[in-house]
Amino acid sequence: MQSLSEEPYKFDTSNLLDFELPLLTNSKGELVGLEQSGSPGALAYKRDLAKEYFGTDDPDALMAMFTDWDVFIAKGKEVYEKSGGKTFMLGSLMDAYTILSNQGTTAVVDGTKVNTQELLRIFTQLQSIRDNNTEGKLAMWSPTWNASYSQDNVIFYPAANWSPEFVIKPNDKASNGRWGLMVPPEGGYPYGGTTIGIWKDSKNKDAAWAYLNWLLGTDEGAEANFATSDYILPLKSFFKDTSKLSSGADEYFGGQDLGKFWVEKVFPNMKSKAVTKYDQDIYSSSELVLQVMAQDNSFDAAQALDKWEEQLKKNHPELTFE
C-alpha cells in the first residue's frame, strides 16, 4: 500500500485518536490507510436478565460492579448456579476471546517473535471462564448463537457500534427496551473496522487521495459519514463537541443514547495492538483450539498453547515462539 506519511500526502497522524495509529500503520511506522469507521467494542446485555441476577440494569452500575474479569467470572458462576444451569454470561469462548484478545496493547507477534506468555495469559482466562460455567458452548455466529439473542440463556455479547443495527436487532426483532450497552471489564477494545488505502501501483493516486482525504480526514467528511451511516471517524477534532454525536434516546435500548455511549464511555479509553499479516491465522488457530477447550474439560491452557503453536507453525515456519 502507498504510504500516506510521505510526500505528496503527508497526512498528520496527530489528527487521529491515539488508539487508531497501531491499526493504520505498517511495520515501518508508515501510515498506509485511514479508518472509515472507528469500531469501538463494548458489551451488549439484556436488561431484564441483568436486573434479575445483578439487581440493576444501569450500564454505569454494571461497569462499576464488574471491575475485572475475575469478578465477571465469579458472577458468571453465580448466574449458572442460580439459573439451574440454564443461563450463562456469554454464549461461547470465542465471544470472550473476541474481547480479551483485542484489549490492551501487548502484541501477540512482534516481527517474527511470538509472545507466548500473552497467549497463555488469555488462554488461562478462557479456561477459567469455561471451568466456572461462564460460557454456554454456543458456536459464535452459529444459528443457535443467533437464536440466543431472543432467548434467556445468554446475558452478554461482544458488540461494536455496528452490532445494534446488523446483529442485535435482526436477531431479536420483537424486543423493545430489553437491551443495553456497557463498558466491559478492563475497558473498550477495537472490534472490526474498515481501513481504506491507496494501492502503491495505482494510476489514479491523485483522485484516490482527493476522495480519501476529504471523506476520512476532514471534519466535513466526518459529518457526512455520521449523517449518512452513523460512522464515527477517529479524528480528534471531530470529538471536540461530542454533543453533535448524540443519536438520541433509543427505545429499543431502554432509552440509552448509543451515540453518546460510544463517544463518551468507550472511545476515550480504547487501546489497540498493531495489525500484522499473521492476524487471520492467529484468529483461525485460536478458534480451532477453543472449540476443543469448550468440549473437553481436561484440555487446559498449557495444552491450548501447544496446540495453537502447532497450528500456526504449519503456515508460518519463520515464527519463533518465546
C-alpha atoms as a PDB file:
ATOM      1  CA  MET A   1       0.000   0.000   0.000  1.00  0.00           C
ATOM      2  CA  GLN A   2       1.035   3.610  -0.619  1.00  0.00           C
ATOM      3  CA  SER A   3       2.485   5.395   2.396  1.00  0.00           C
ATOM      4  CA  LEU A   4       0.308   8.361   3.320  1.00  0.00           C
ATOM      5  CA  SER A   5       3.024   9.702   5.604  1.00  0.00           C
ATOM      6  CA  GLU A   6       5.205  10.772   2.687  1.00  0.00           C
ATOM      7  CA  GLU A   7       5.009  13.456   0.003  1.00  0.00           C
ATOM      8  CA  PRO A   8       2.697  14.494  -1.539  1.00  0.00           C
ATOM      9  CA  TYR A   9       0.186  13.310   1.079  1.00  0.00           C
ATOM     10  CA  LYS A  10       1.931  13.897   4.411  1.00  0.00           C
ATOM     11  CA  PHE A  11      -1.182  13.187   6.451  1.00  0.00           C
ATOM     12  CA  ASP A  12      -0.700  14.482  10.001  1.00  0.00           C
ATOM     13  CA  THR A  13      -1.220  11.456  12.246  1.00  0.00           C
ATOM     14  CA  SER A  14      -1.568  13.705  15.301  1.00  0.00           C
ATOM     15  CA  ASN A  15      -5.069  14.450  13.979  1.00  0.00           C
ATOM     16  CA  LEU A  16      -6.124  10.869  14.775  1.00  0.00           C
ATOM     17  CA  LEU A  17      -7.176   9.422  18.121  1.00  0.00           C
ATOM     18  CA  ASP A  18      -4.157   7.683  19.628  1.00  0.00           C
ATOM     19  CA  PHE A  19      -5.648   4.176  19.727  1.00  0.00           C
ATOM     20  CA  GLU A  20      -6.129   4.230  15.957  1.00  0.00           C
ATOM     21  CA  LEU A  21      -2.453   4.593  14.979  1.00  0.00           C
ATOM     22  CA  PRO A  22      -1.341   0.972  15.556  1.00  0.00           C
ATOM     23  CA  LEU A  23      -4.272  -0.146  13.392  1.00  0.00           C
ATOM     24  CA  LEU A  24      -3.309   2.070  10.438  1.00  0.00           C
ATOM     25  CA  THR A  25       0.481   1.885  10.297  1.00  0.00           C
ATOM     26  CA  ASN A  26       2.791  -0.776   8.906  1.00  0.00           C
ATOM     27  CA  SER A  27       5.923  -2.274  10.472  1.00  0.00           C
ATOM     28  CA  LYS A  28       7.954   0.703   9.168  1.00  0.00           C
ATOM     29  CA  GLY A  29       5.733   3.152  11.038  1.00  0.00           C
ATOM     30  CA  GLU A  30       4.180   4.437   7.808  1.00  0.00           C
ATOM     31  CA  LEU A  31       0.520   5.393   7.696  1.00  0.00           C
ATOM     32  CA  VAL A  32      -0.993   3.190   4.982  1.00  0.00           C
ATOM     33  CA  GLY A  33      -4.718   3.865   5.348  1.00  0.00           C
ATOM     34  CA  LEU A  34      -7.493   5.863   7.004  1.00  0.00           C
ATOM     35  CA  GLU A  35     -10.342   4.408   9.003  1.00  0.00           C
ATOM     36  CA  GLN A  36     -13.837   4.565   7.544  1.00  0.00           C
ATOM     37  CA  SER A  37     -15.484   3.856  10.865  1.00  0.00           C
ATOM     38  CA  GLY A  38     -13.738   3.590  14.180  1.00  0.00           C
ATOM     39  CA  SER A  39     -15.314   0.412  15.547  1.00  0.00           C
ATOM     40  CA  PRO A  40     -15.348   0.600  19.346  1.00  0.00           C
ATOM     41  CA  GLY A  41     -16.133  -2.608  21.201  1.00  0.00           C
ATOM     42  CA  ALA A  42     -18.316  -2.960  24.284  1.00  0.00           C
ATOM     43  CA  LEU A  43     -20.718  -5.435  25.877  1.00  0.00           C
ATOM     44  CA  ALA A  44     -24.373  -5.640  24.875  1.00  0.00           C
ATOM     45  CA  TYR A  45     -26.623  -7.069  27.567  1.00  0.00           C
ATOM     46  CA  LYS A  46     -30.239  -7.985  28.290  1.00  0.00           C
ATOM     47  CA  ARG A  47     -31.612  -5.553  30.832  1.00  0.00           C
ATOM     48  CA  ASP A  48     -34.192  -7.914  32.321  1.00  0.00           C
ATOM     49  CA  LEU A  49     -31.628 -10.641  32.994  1.00  0.00           C
ATOM     50  CA  ALA A  50     -29.131  -8.124  34.389  1.00  0.00           C
ATOM     51  CA  LYS A  51     -31.753  -6.866  36.824  1.00  0.00           C
ATOM     52  CA  GLU A  52     -32.697 -10.409  37.804  1.00  0.00           C
ATOM     53  CA  TYR A  53     -29.174 -11.605  38.508  1.00  0.00           C
ATOM     54  CA  PHE A  54     -27.284  -8.422  39.457  1.00  0.00           C
ATOM     55  CA  GLY A  55     -30.021  -6.181  40.868  1.00  0.00           C
ATOM     56  CA  THR A  56     -29.557  -3.417  38.288  1.00  0.00           C
ATOM     57  CA  ASP A  57     -29.755  -2.808  34.560  1.00  0.00           C
ATOM     58  CA  ASP A  58     -27.910   0.517  34.680  1.00  0.00           C
ATOM     59  CA  PRO A  59     -24.796   0.409  32.459  1.00  0.00           C
ATOM     60  CA  ASP A  60     -22.679   2.553  34.786  1.00  0.00           C
ATOM     61  CA  ALA A  61     -23.636   0.474  37.830  1.00  0.00           C
ATOM     62  CA  LEU A  62     -22.790  -2.722  35.969  1.00  0.00           C
ATOM     63  CA  MET A  63     -19.446  -1.302  34.860  1.00  0.00           C
ATOM     64  CA  ALA A  64     -18.658  -0.422  38.493  1.00  0.00           C
ATOM     65  CA  MET A  65     -19.670  -3.939  39.548  1.00  0.00           C
ATOM     66  CA  PHE A  66     -17.519  -5.805  37.027  1.00  0.00           C
ATOM     67  CA  THR A  67     -14.175  -4.267  37.930  1.00  0.00           C
ATOM     68  CA  ASP A  68     -12.155  -7.012  36.225  1.00  0.00           C
ATOM     69  CA  TRP A  69     -12.579 -10.367  34.504  1.00  0.00           C
ATOM     70  CA  ASP A  70     -12.166 -12.339  37.731  1.00  0.00           C
ATOM     71  CA  VAL A  71     -15.246 -10.610  39.140  1.00  0.00           C
ATOM     72  CA  PHE A  72     -17.114 -11.218  35.881  1.00  0.00           C
ATOM     73  CA  ILE A  73     -16.243 -14.920  36.001  1.00  0.00           C
ATOM     74  CA  ALA A  74     -17.278 -15.224  39.668  1.00  0.00           C
ATOM     75  CA  LYS A  75     -20.628 -13.608  38.868  1.00  0.00           C
ATOM     76  CA  GLY A  76     -20.951 -15.986  35.924  1.00  0.00           C
ATOM     77  CA  LYS A  77     -20.613 -18.956  38.256  1.00  0.00           C
ATOM     78  CA  GLU A  78     -23.389 -17.494  40.433  1.00  0.00           C
ATOM     79  CA  VAL A  79     -25.662 -16.970  37.422  1.00  0.00           C
ATOM     80  CA  TYR A  80     -25.137 -20.541  36.275  1.00  0.00           C
ATOM     81  CA  GLU A  81     -25.977 -21.905  39.718  1.00  0.00           C
ATOM     82  CA  LYS A  82     -28.974 -19.616  40.332  1.00  0.00           C
ATOM     83  CA  SER A  83     -30.453 -20.463  36.942  1.00  0.00           C
ATOM     84  CA  GLY A  84     -30.045 -24.186  37.411  1.00  0.00           C
ATOM     85  CA  GLY A  85     -27.524 -24.321  34.588  1.00  0.00           C
ATOM     86  CA  LYS A  86     -29.798 -22.619  32.052  1.00  0.00           C
ATOM     87  CA  THR A  87     -28.260 -19.133  31.792  1.00  0.00           C
ATOM     88  CA  PHE A  88     -24.700 -18.052  31.011  1.00  0.00           C
ATOM     89  CA  MET A  89     -22.837 -14.752  30.983  1.00  0.00           C
ATOM     90  CA  LEU A  90     -21.506 -15.312  27.441  1.00  0.00           C
ATOM     91  CA  GLY A  91     -22.518 -17.518  24.543  1.00  0.00           C
ATOM     92  CA  SER A  92     -19.124 -19.066  23.814  1.00  0.00           C
ATOM     93  CA  LEU A  93     -15.400 -18.969  24.472  1.00  0.00           C
ATOM     94  CA  MET A  94     -14.991 -17.151  21.153  1.00  0.00           C
ATOM     95  CA  ASP A  95     -17.251 -14.370  22.478  1.00  0.00           C
ATOM     96  CA  ALA A  96     -14.837 -13.971  25.367  1.00  0.00           C
ATOM     97  CA  TYR A  97     -11.786 -14.293  23.103  1.00  0.00           C
ATOM     98  CA  THR A  98     -13.140 -11.545  20.837  1.00  0.00           C
ATOM     99  CA  ILE A  99     -12.882  -9.148  23.756  1.00  0.00           C
ATOM    100  CA  LEU A 100      -9.847 -10.455  25.641  1.00  0.00           C
ATOM    101  CA  SER A 101      -7.618 -10.762  22.573  1.00  0.00           C
ATOM    102  CA  ASN A 102      -8.346  -7.187  21.494  1.00  0.00           C
ATOM    103  CA  GLN A 103      -7.974  -5.439  24.843  1.00  0.00           C
ATOM    104  CA  GLY A 104      -4.709  -3.776  25.821  1.00  0.00           C
ATOM    105  CA  THR A 105      -1.597  -3.021  23.777  1.00  0.00           C
ATOM    106  CA  THR A 106       0.536  -6.159  24.141  1.00  0.00           C
ATOM    107  CA  ALA A 107       1.003  -7.643  20.687  1.00  0.00           C
ATOM    108  CA  VAL A 108       0.972 -11.397  20.127  1.00  0.00           C
ATOM    109  CA  VAL A 109       3.509 -11.158  17.286  1.00  0.00           C
ATOM    110  CA  ASP A 110       6.306  -8.590  17.033  1.00  0.00           C
ATOM    111  CA  GLY A 111       8.182  -9.052  13.783  1.00  0.00           C
ATOM    112  CA  THR A 112       8.521 -12.841  13.736  1.00  0.00           C
ATOM    113  CA  LYS A 113       8.640 -13.289  17.513  1.00  0.00           C
ATOM    114  CA  VAL A 114       5.552 -14.708  19.184  1.00  0.00           C
ATOM    115  CA  ASN A 115       4.764 -13.633  22.738  1.00  0.00           C
ATOM    116  CA  THR A 116       3.598 -16.983  24.081  1.00  0.00           C
ATOM    117  CA  GLN A 117       3.148 -15.612  27.598  1.00  0.00           C
ATOM    118  CA  GLU A 118       0.486 -13.216  26.331  1.00  0.00           C
ATOM    119  CA  LEU A 119      -1.354 -16.092  24.671  1.00  0.00           C
ATOM    120  CA  LEU A 120      -1.004 -18.241  27.778  1.00  0.00           C
ATOM    121  CA  ARG A 121      -2.495 -15.404  29.845  1.00  0.00           C
ATOM    122  CA  ILE A 122      -5.515 -15.196  27.525  1.00  0.00           C
ATOM    123  CA  PHE A 123      -5.979 -18.978  27.360  1.00  0.00           C
ATOM    124  CA  THR A 124      -5.760 -19.174  31.169  1.00  0.00           C
ATOM    125  CA  GLN A 125      -8.579 -16.638  31.485  1.00  0.00           C
ATOM    126  CA  LEU A 126     -10.605 -18.574  28.923  1.00  0.00           C
ATOM    127  CA  GLN A 127     -10.035 -21.822  30.796  1.00  0.00           C
ATOM    128  CA  SER A 128     -11.345 -20.131  33.950  1.00  0.00           C
ATOM    129  CA  ILE A 129     -14.402 -18.933  32.027  1.00  0.00           C
ATOM    130  CA  ARG A 130     -15.060 -22.500  30.901  1.00  0.00           C
ATOM    131  CA  ASP A 131     -14.350 -24.105  34.287  1.00  0.00           C
ATOM    132  CA  ASN A 132     -16.745 -21.713  36.032  1.00  0.00           C
ATOM    133  CA  ASN A 133     -19.562 -22.237  33.515  1.00  0.00           C
ATOM    134  CA  THR A 134     -19.451 -18.630  32.364  1.00  0.00           C
ATOM    135  CA  GLU A 135     -19.999 -19.539  28.678  1.00  0.00           C
ATOM    136  CA  GLY A 136     -22.783 -21.536  27.038  1.00  0.00           C
ATOM    137  CA  LYS A 137     -20.794 -23.551  24.456  1.00  0.00           C
ATOM    138  CA  LEU A 138     -22.681 -21.983  21.547  1.00  0.00           C
ATOM    139  CA  ALA A 139     -20.503 -21.619  18.457  1.00  0.00           C
ATOM    140  CA  MET A 140     -20.192 -17.903  17.725  1.00  0.00           C
ATOM    141  CA  TRP A 141     -22.208 -16.839  14.648  1.00  0.00           C
ATOM    142  CA  SER A 142     -23.989 -20.223  14.537  1.00  0.00           C
ATOM    143  CA  PRO A 143     -27.808 -20.483  14.240  1.00  0.00           C
ATOM    144  CA  THR A 144     -28.099 -21.411  17.923  1.00  0.00           C
ATOM    145  CA  TRP A 145     -25.910 -18.450  18.899  1.00  0.00           C
ATOM    146  CA  ASN A 146     -28.016 -16.086  16.764  1.00  0.00           C
ATOM    147  CA  ALA A 147     -31.216 -17.539  18.243  1.00  0.00           C
ATOM    148  CA  SER A 148     -29.941 -16.929  21.786  1.00  0.00           C
ATOM    149  CA  TYR A 149     -30.361 -13.171  21.322  1.00  0.00           C
ATOM    150  CA  SER A 150     -34.130 -13.557  21.667  1.00  0.00           C
ATOM    151  CA  GLN A 151     -33.916 -16.126  24.463  1.00  0.00           C
ATOM    152  CA  ASP A 152     -32.941 -16.099  28.139  1.00  0.00           C
ATOM    153  CA  ASN A 153     -29.875 -18.368  28.040  1.00  0.00           C
ATOM    154  CA  VAL A 154     -27.178 -15.715  27.440  1.00  0.00           C
ATOM    155  CA  ILE A 155     -26.845 -12.287  29.096  1.00  0.00           C
ATOM    156  CA  PHE A 156     -23.837 -10.591  27.429  1.00  0.00           C
ATOM    157  CA  TYR A 157     -22.427 -10.353  23.912  1.00  0.00           C
ATOM    158  CA  PRO A 158     -19.404  -8.580  22.430  1.00  0.00           C
ATOM    159  CA  ALA A 159     -20.742  -5.609  20.476  1.00  0.00           C
ATOM    160  CA  ALA A 160     -19.352  -2.910  18.216  1.00  0.00           C
ATOM    161  CA  ASN A 161     -21.119   0.250  17.106  1.00  0.00           C
ATOM    162  CA  TRP A 162     -22.343  -1.716  14.068  1.00  0.00           C
ATOM    163  CA  SER A 163     -23.811  -4.541  16.187  1.00  0.00           C
ATOM    164  CA  PRO A 164     -27.155  -2.930  17.141  1.00  0.00           C
ATOM    165  CA  GLU A 165     -28.194  -2.472  13.521  1.00  0.00           C
ATOM    166  CA  PHE A 166     -26.663  -5.566  11.950  1.00  0.00           C
ATOM    167  CA  VAL A 167     -26.648  -8.187  14.723  1.00  0.00           C
ATOM    168  CA  ILE A 168     -28.808  -7.422  17.765  1.00  0.00           C
ATOM    169  CA  LYS A 169     -31.968  -6.015  16.217  1.00  0.00           C
ATOM    170  CA  PRO A 170     -32.138  -8.588  13.366  1.00  0.00           C
ATOM    171  CA  ASN A 171     -31.752 -11.434  15.887  1.00  0.00           C
ATOM    172  CA  ASP A 172     -34.262 -10.058  18.420  1.00  0.00           C
ATOM    173  CA  LYS A 173     -36.889  -8.262  16.372  1.00  0.00           C
ATOM    174  CA  ALA A 174     -39.695  -8.491  18.915  1.00  0.00           C
ATOM    175  CA  SER A 175     -37.848  -6.831  21.798  1.00  0.00           C
ATOM    176  CA  ASN A 176     -38.398  -3.264  22.886  1.00  0.00           C
ATOM    177  CA  GLY A 177     -36.346  -1.765  25.704  1.00  0.00           C
ATOM    178  CA  ARG A 178     -34.701  -5.048  26.599  1.00  0.00           C
ATOM    179  CA  TRP A 179     -31.146  -4.221  25.555  1.00  0.00           C
ATOM    180  CA  GLY A 180     -28.334  -2.076  26.939  1.00  0.00           C
ATOM    181  CA  LEU A 181     -24.674  -1.346  26.212  1.00  0.00           C
ATOM    182  CA  MET A 182     -21.921  -1.164  28.829  1.00  0.00           C
ATOM    183  CA  VAL A 183     -18.144  -0.865  29.006  1.00  0.00           C
ATOM    184  CA  PRO A 184     -16.696  -4.358  29.616  1.00  0.00           C
ATOM    185  CA  PRO A 185     -14.311  -5.279  32.434  1.00  0.00           C
ATOM    186  CA  GLU A 186     -10.909  -3.693  31.771  1.00  0.00           C
ATOM    187  CA  GLY A 187     -12.150  -1.340  29.076  1.00  0.00           C
ATOM    188  CA  GLY A 188     -13.224  -0.947  25.479  1.00  0.00           C
ATOM    189  CA  TYR A 189     -11.487  -2.597  22.545  1.00  0.00           C
ATOM    190  CA  PRO A 190     -11.339  -2.352  18.738  1.00  0.00           C
ATOM    191  CA  TYR A 191     -13.928  -4.645  17.174  1.00  0.00           C
ATOM    192  CA  GLY A 192     -13.671  -4.680  13.404  1.00  0.00           C
ATOM    193  CA  GLY A 193     -13.420  -1.573  11.279  1.00  0.00           C
ATOM    194  CA  THR A 194     -12.675  -0.750   7.659  1.00  0.00           C
ATOM    195  CA  THR A 195      -9.374   0.809   6.603  1.00  0.00           C
ATOM    196  CA  ILE A 196      -9.116   2.340   3.135  1.00  0.00           C
ATOM    197  CA  GLY A 197      -5.781   2.983   1.466  1.00  0.00           C
ATOM    198  CA  ILE A 198      -4.231   3.579  -1.948  1.00  0.00           C
ATOM    199  CA  TRP A 199      -2.628   0.795  -3.931  1.00  0.00           C
ATOM    200  CA  LYS A 200       1.041   1.650  -4.424  1.00  0.00           C
ATOM    201  CA  ASP A 201       0.847   0.942  -8.194  1.00  0.00           C
ATOM    202  CA  SER A 202      -2.389   2.825  -8.766  1.00  0.00           C
ATOM    203  CA  LYS A 203      -2.543   5.081 -11.825  1.00  0.00           C
ATOM    204  CA  ASN A 204      -5.105   7.328 -10.144  1.00  0.00           C
ATOM    205  CA  LYS A 205      -3.407   8.213  -6.874  1.00  0.00           C
ATOM    206  CA  ASP A 206      -4.308  11.908  -7.027  1.00  0.00           C
ATOM    207  CA  ALA A 207      -8.014  11.224  -7.458  1.00  0.00           C
ATOM    208  CA  ALA A 208      -7.937   8.493  -4.826  1.00  0.00           C
ATOM    209  CA  TRP A 209      -6.251  10.803  -2.330  1.00  0.00           C
ATOM    210  CA  ALA A 210      -8.679  13.663  -3.023  1.00  0.00           C
ATOM    211  CA  TYR A 211     -11.560  11.321  -2.185  1.00  0.00           C
ATOM    212  CA  LEU A 212      -9.862   9.618   0.751  1.00  0.00           C
ATOM    213  CA  ASN A 213      -8.565  12.747   2.413  1.00  0.00           C
ATOM    214  CA  TRP A 214     -11.897  14.577   2.249  1.00  0.00           C
ATOM    215  CA  LEU A 215     -14.078  11.642   3.276  1.00  0.00           C
ATOM    216  CA  LEU A 216     -11.937  10.269   6.102  1.00  0.00           C
ATOM    217  CA  GLY A 217      -9.564  13.077   7.007  1.00  0.00           C
ATOM    218  CA  THR A 218     -11.727  16.193   7.428  1.00  0.00           C
ATOM    219  CA  ASP A 219     -14.500  17.256   9.778  1.00  0.00           C
ATOM    220  CA  GLU A 220     -16.754  17.846   6.786  1.00  0.00           C
ATOM    221  CA  GLY A 221     -16.250  14.272   5.632  1.00  0.00           C
ATOM    222  CA  ALA A 222     -16.700  13.004   9.184  1.00  0.00           C
ATOM    223  CA  GLU A 223     -20.025  14.816   9.491  1.00  0.00           C
ATOM    224  CA  ALA A 224     -21.164  13.358   6.171  1.00  0.00           C
ATOM    225  CA  ASN A 225     -20.193   9.865   7.316  1.00  0.00           C
ATOM    226  CA  PHE A 226     -22.060  10.249  10.594  1.00  0.00           C
ATOM    227  CA  ALA A 227     -25.144  11.753   8.946  1.00  0.00           C
ATOM    228  CA  THR A 228     -25.451   9.034   6.299  1.00  0.00           C
ATOM    229  CA  SER A 229     -24.151   5.906   8.050  1.00  0.00           C
ATOM    230  CA  ASP A 230     -23.650   6.685  11.779  1.00  0.00           C
ATOM    231  CA  TYR A 231     -19.934   6.054  11.179  1.00  0.00           C
ATOM    232  CA  ILE A 232     -17.727   7.738  13.763  1.00  0.00           C
ATOM    233  CA  LEU A 233     -14.351   8.783  12.358  1.00  0.00           C
ATOM    234  CA  PRO A 234     -11.439   8.739  14.833  1.00  0.00           C
ATOM    235  CA  LEU A 235     -10.497  12.393  14.273  1.00  0.00           C
ATOM    236  CA  LYS A 236      -9.595  14.359  17.401  1.00  0.00           C
ATOM    237  CA  SER A 237     -11.222  17.500  16.040  1.00  0.00           C
ATOM    238  CA  PHE A 238     -14.475  15.633  15.466  1.00  0.00           C
ATOM    239  CA  PHE A 239     -14.600  14.798  19.186  1.00  0.00           C
ATOM    240  CA  LYS A 240     -14.234  18.378  20.430  1.00  0.00           C
ATOM    241  CA  ASP A 241     -18.008  18.756  20.523  1.00  0.00           C
ATOM    242  CA  THR A 242     -19.460  15.353  21.356  1.00  0.00           C
ATOM    243  CA  SER A 243     -22.989  16.760  21.590  1.00  0.00           C
ATOM    244  CA  LYS A 244     -23.255  16.562  17.799  1.00  0.00           C
ATOM    245  CA  LEU A 245     -22.566  12.825  18.037  1.00  0.00           C
ATOM    246  CA  SER A 246     -25.654  12.207  20.141  1.00  0.00           C
ATOM    247  CA  SER A 247     -28.043   9.816  18.439  1.00  0.00           C
ATOM    248  CA  GLY A 248     -30.917  10.486  20.848  1.00  0.00           C
ATOM    249  CA  ALA A 249     -32.784   8.111  23.130  1.00  0.00           C
ATOM    250  CA  ASP A 250     -33.140   4.657  21.583  1.00  0.00           C
ATOM    251  CA  GLU A 251     -36.301   2.984  22.818  1.00  0.00           C
ATOM    252  CA  TYR A 252     -35.039  -0.439  21.782  1.00  0.00           C
ATOM    253  CA  PHE A 253     -32.074   0.075  24.139  1.00  0.00           C
ATOM    254  CA  GLY A 254     -34.159   1.280  27.063  1.00  0.00           C
ATOM    255  CA  GLY A 255     -33.768   4.931  26.171  1.00  0.00           C
ATOM    256  CA  GLN A 256     -29.969   4.797  26.034  1.00  0.00           C
ATOM    257  CA  ASP A 257     -28.256   7.289  23.730  1.00  0.00           C
ATOM    258  CA  LEU A 258     -25.933   4.983  21.810  1.00  0.00           C
ATOM    259  CA  GLY A 259     -24.009   7.759  20.076  1.00  0.00           C
ATOM    260  CA  LYS A 260     -23.132   9.377  23.410  1.00  0.00           C
ATOM    261  CA  PHE A 261     -22.265   5.989  24.864  1.00  0.00           C
ATOM    262  CA  TRP A 262     -19.655   5.258  22.207  1.00  0.00           C
ATOM    263  CA  VAL A 263     -18.013   8.680  22.162  1.00  0.00           C
ATOM    264  CA  GLU A 264     -18.119   9.395  25.906  1.00  0.00           C
ATOM    265  CA  LYS A 265     -17.696   5.953  27.502  1.00  0.00           C
ATOM    266  CA  VAL A 266     -15.741   3.796  25.057  1.00  0.00           C
ATOM    267  CA  PHE A 267     -13.611   5.837  22.633  1.00  0.00           C
ATOM    268  CA  PRO A 268     -11.701   7.859  25.293  1.00  0.00           C
ATOM    269  CA  ASN A 269     -10.193   4.784  26.953  1.00  0.00           C
ATOM    270  CA  MET A 270      -9.662   2.486  23.974  1.00  0.00           C
ATOM    271  CA  LYS A 271      -6.265   0.965  23.290  1.00  0.00           C
ATOM    272  CA  SER A 272      -5.130  -1.201  20.410  1.00  0.00           C
ATOM    273  CA  LYS A 273      -2.474  -3.587  19.168  1.00  0.00           C
ATOM    274  CA  ALA A 274      -0.539  -3.377  15.935  1.00  0.00           C
ATOM    275  CA  VAL A 275      -2.083  -5.172  12.963  1.00  0.00           C
ATOM    276  CA  THR A 276       0.122  -7.894  11.456  1.00  0.00           C
ATOM    277  CA  LYS A 277      -0.022 -10.206   8.451  1.00  0.00           C
ATOM    278  CA  TYR A 278      -0.436 -13.100  10.883  1.00  0.00           C
ATOM    279  CA  ASP A 279      -3.678 -11.903  12.472  1.00  0.00           C
ATOM    280  CA  GLN A 280      -6.090 -14.000  10.409  1.00  0.00           C
ATOM    281  CA  ASP A 281      -4.145 -17.193  11.069  1.00  0.00           C
ATOM    282  CA  ILE A 282      -3.840 -16.301  14.751  1.00  0.00           C
ATOM    283  CA  TYR A 283      -7.622 -15.979  14.890  1.00  0.00           C
ATOM    284  CA  SER A 284      -8.226 -19.242  12.995  1.00  0.00           C
ATOM    285  CA  SER A 285      -5.784 -21.169  15.194  1.00  0.00           C
ATOM    286  CA  SER A 286      -7.397 -19.739  18.335  1.00  0.00           C
ATOM    287  CA  GLU A 287     -10.864 -20.643  17.091  1.00  0.00           C
ATOM    288  CA  LEU A 288      -9.814 -24.249  16.499  1.00  0.00           C
ATOM    289  CA  VAL A 289      -8.150 -24.523  19.902  1.00  0.00           C
ATOM    290  CA  LEU A 290     -11.120 -23.028  21.730  1.00  0.00           C
ATOM    291  CA  GLN A 291     -13.521 -25.462  20.093  1.00  0.00           C
ATOM    292  CA  VAL A 292     -11.515 -28.236  21.751  1.00  0.00           C
ATOM    293  CA  MET A 293     -11.331 -26.386  25.073  1.00  0.00           C
ATOM    294  CA  ALA A 294     -15.089 -25.835  25.150  1.00  0.00           C
ATOM    295  CA  GLN A 295     -15.859 -29.517  24.635  1.00  0.00           C
ATOM    296  CA  ASP A 296     -13.047 -31.155  26.642  1.00  0.00           C
ATOM    297  CA  ASN A 297     -12.791 -30.047  30.275  1.00  0.00           C
ATOM    298  CA  SER A 298      -9.407 -31.786  30.635  1.00  0.00           C
ATOM    299  CA  PHE A 299      -7.899 -29.584  27.905  1.00  0.00           C
ATOM    300  CA  ASP A 300      -6.130 -26.816  29.817  1.00  0.00           C
ATOM    301  CA  ALA A 301      -4.463 -23.513  28.903  1.00  0.00           C
ATOM    302  CA  ALA A 302      -0.982 -25.037  28.506  1.00  0.00           C
ATOM    303  CA  GLN A 303      -2.303 -27.688  26.107  1.00  0.00           C
ATOM    304  CA  ALA A 304      -4.198 -24.979  24.252  1.00  0.00           C
ATOM    305  CA  LEU A 305      -0.990 -23.017  23.780  1.00  0.00           C
ATOM    306  CA  ASP A 306       0.854 -26.099  22.480  1.00  0.00           C
ATOM    307  CA  LYS A 307      -1.943 -26.855  20.015  1.00  0.00           C
ATOM    308  CA  TRP A 308      -2.086 -23.206  18.951  1.00  0.00           C
ATOM    309  CA  GLU A 309       1.664 -23.132  18.279  1.00  0.00           C
ATOM    310  CA  GLU A 310       1.399 -26.352  16.266  1.00  0.00           C
ATOM    311  CA  GLN A 311      -1.347 -24.863  14.076  1.00  0.00           C
ATOM    312  CA  LEU A 312       0.454 -21.580  13.475  1.00  0.00           C
ATOM    313  CA  LYS A 313       3.758 -23.258  12.596  1.00  0.00           C
ATOM    314  CA  LYS A 314       2.092 -25.127   9.731  1.00  0.00           C
ATOM    315  CA  ASN A 315       1.754 -21.942   7.680  1.00  0.00           C
ATOM    316  CA  HIS A 316       4.478 -19.833   9.273  1.00  0.00           C
ATOM    317  CA  PRO A 317       7.685 -21.783   9.966  1.00  0.00           C
ATOM    318  CA  GLU A 318       9.565 -18.477  10.210  1.00  0.00           C
ATOM    319  CA  LEU A 319       7.920 -17.641  13.523  1.00  0.00           C
ATOM    320  CA  THR A 320       9.832 -18.107  16.760  1.00  0.00           C
ATOM    321  CA  PHE A 321       7.944 -18.792  19.976  1.00  0.00           C
ATOM    322  CA  GLU A 322       9.298 -17.189  23.112  1.00  0.00           C
END
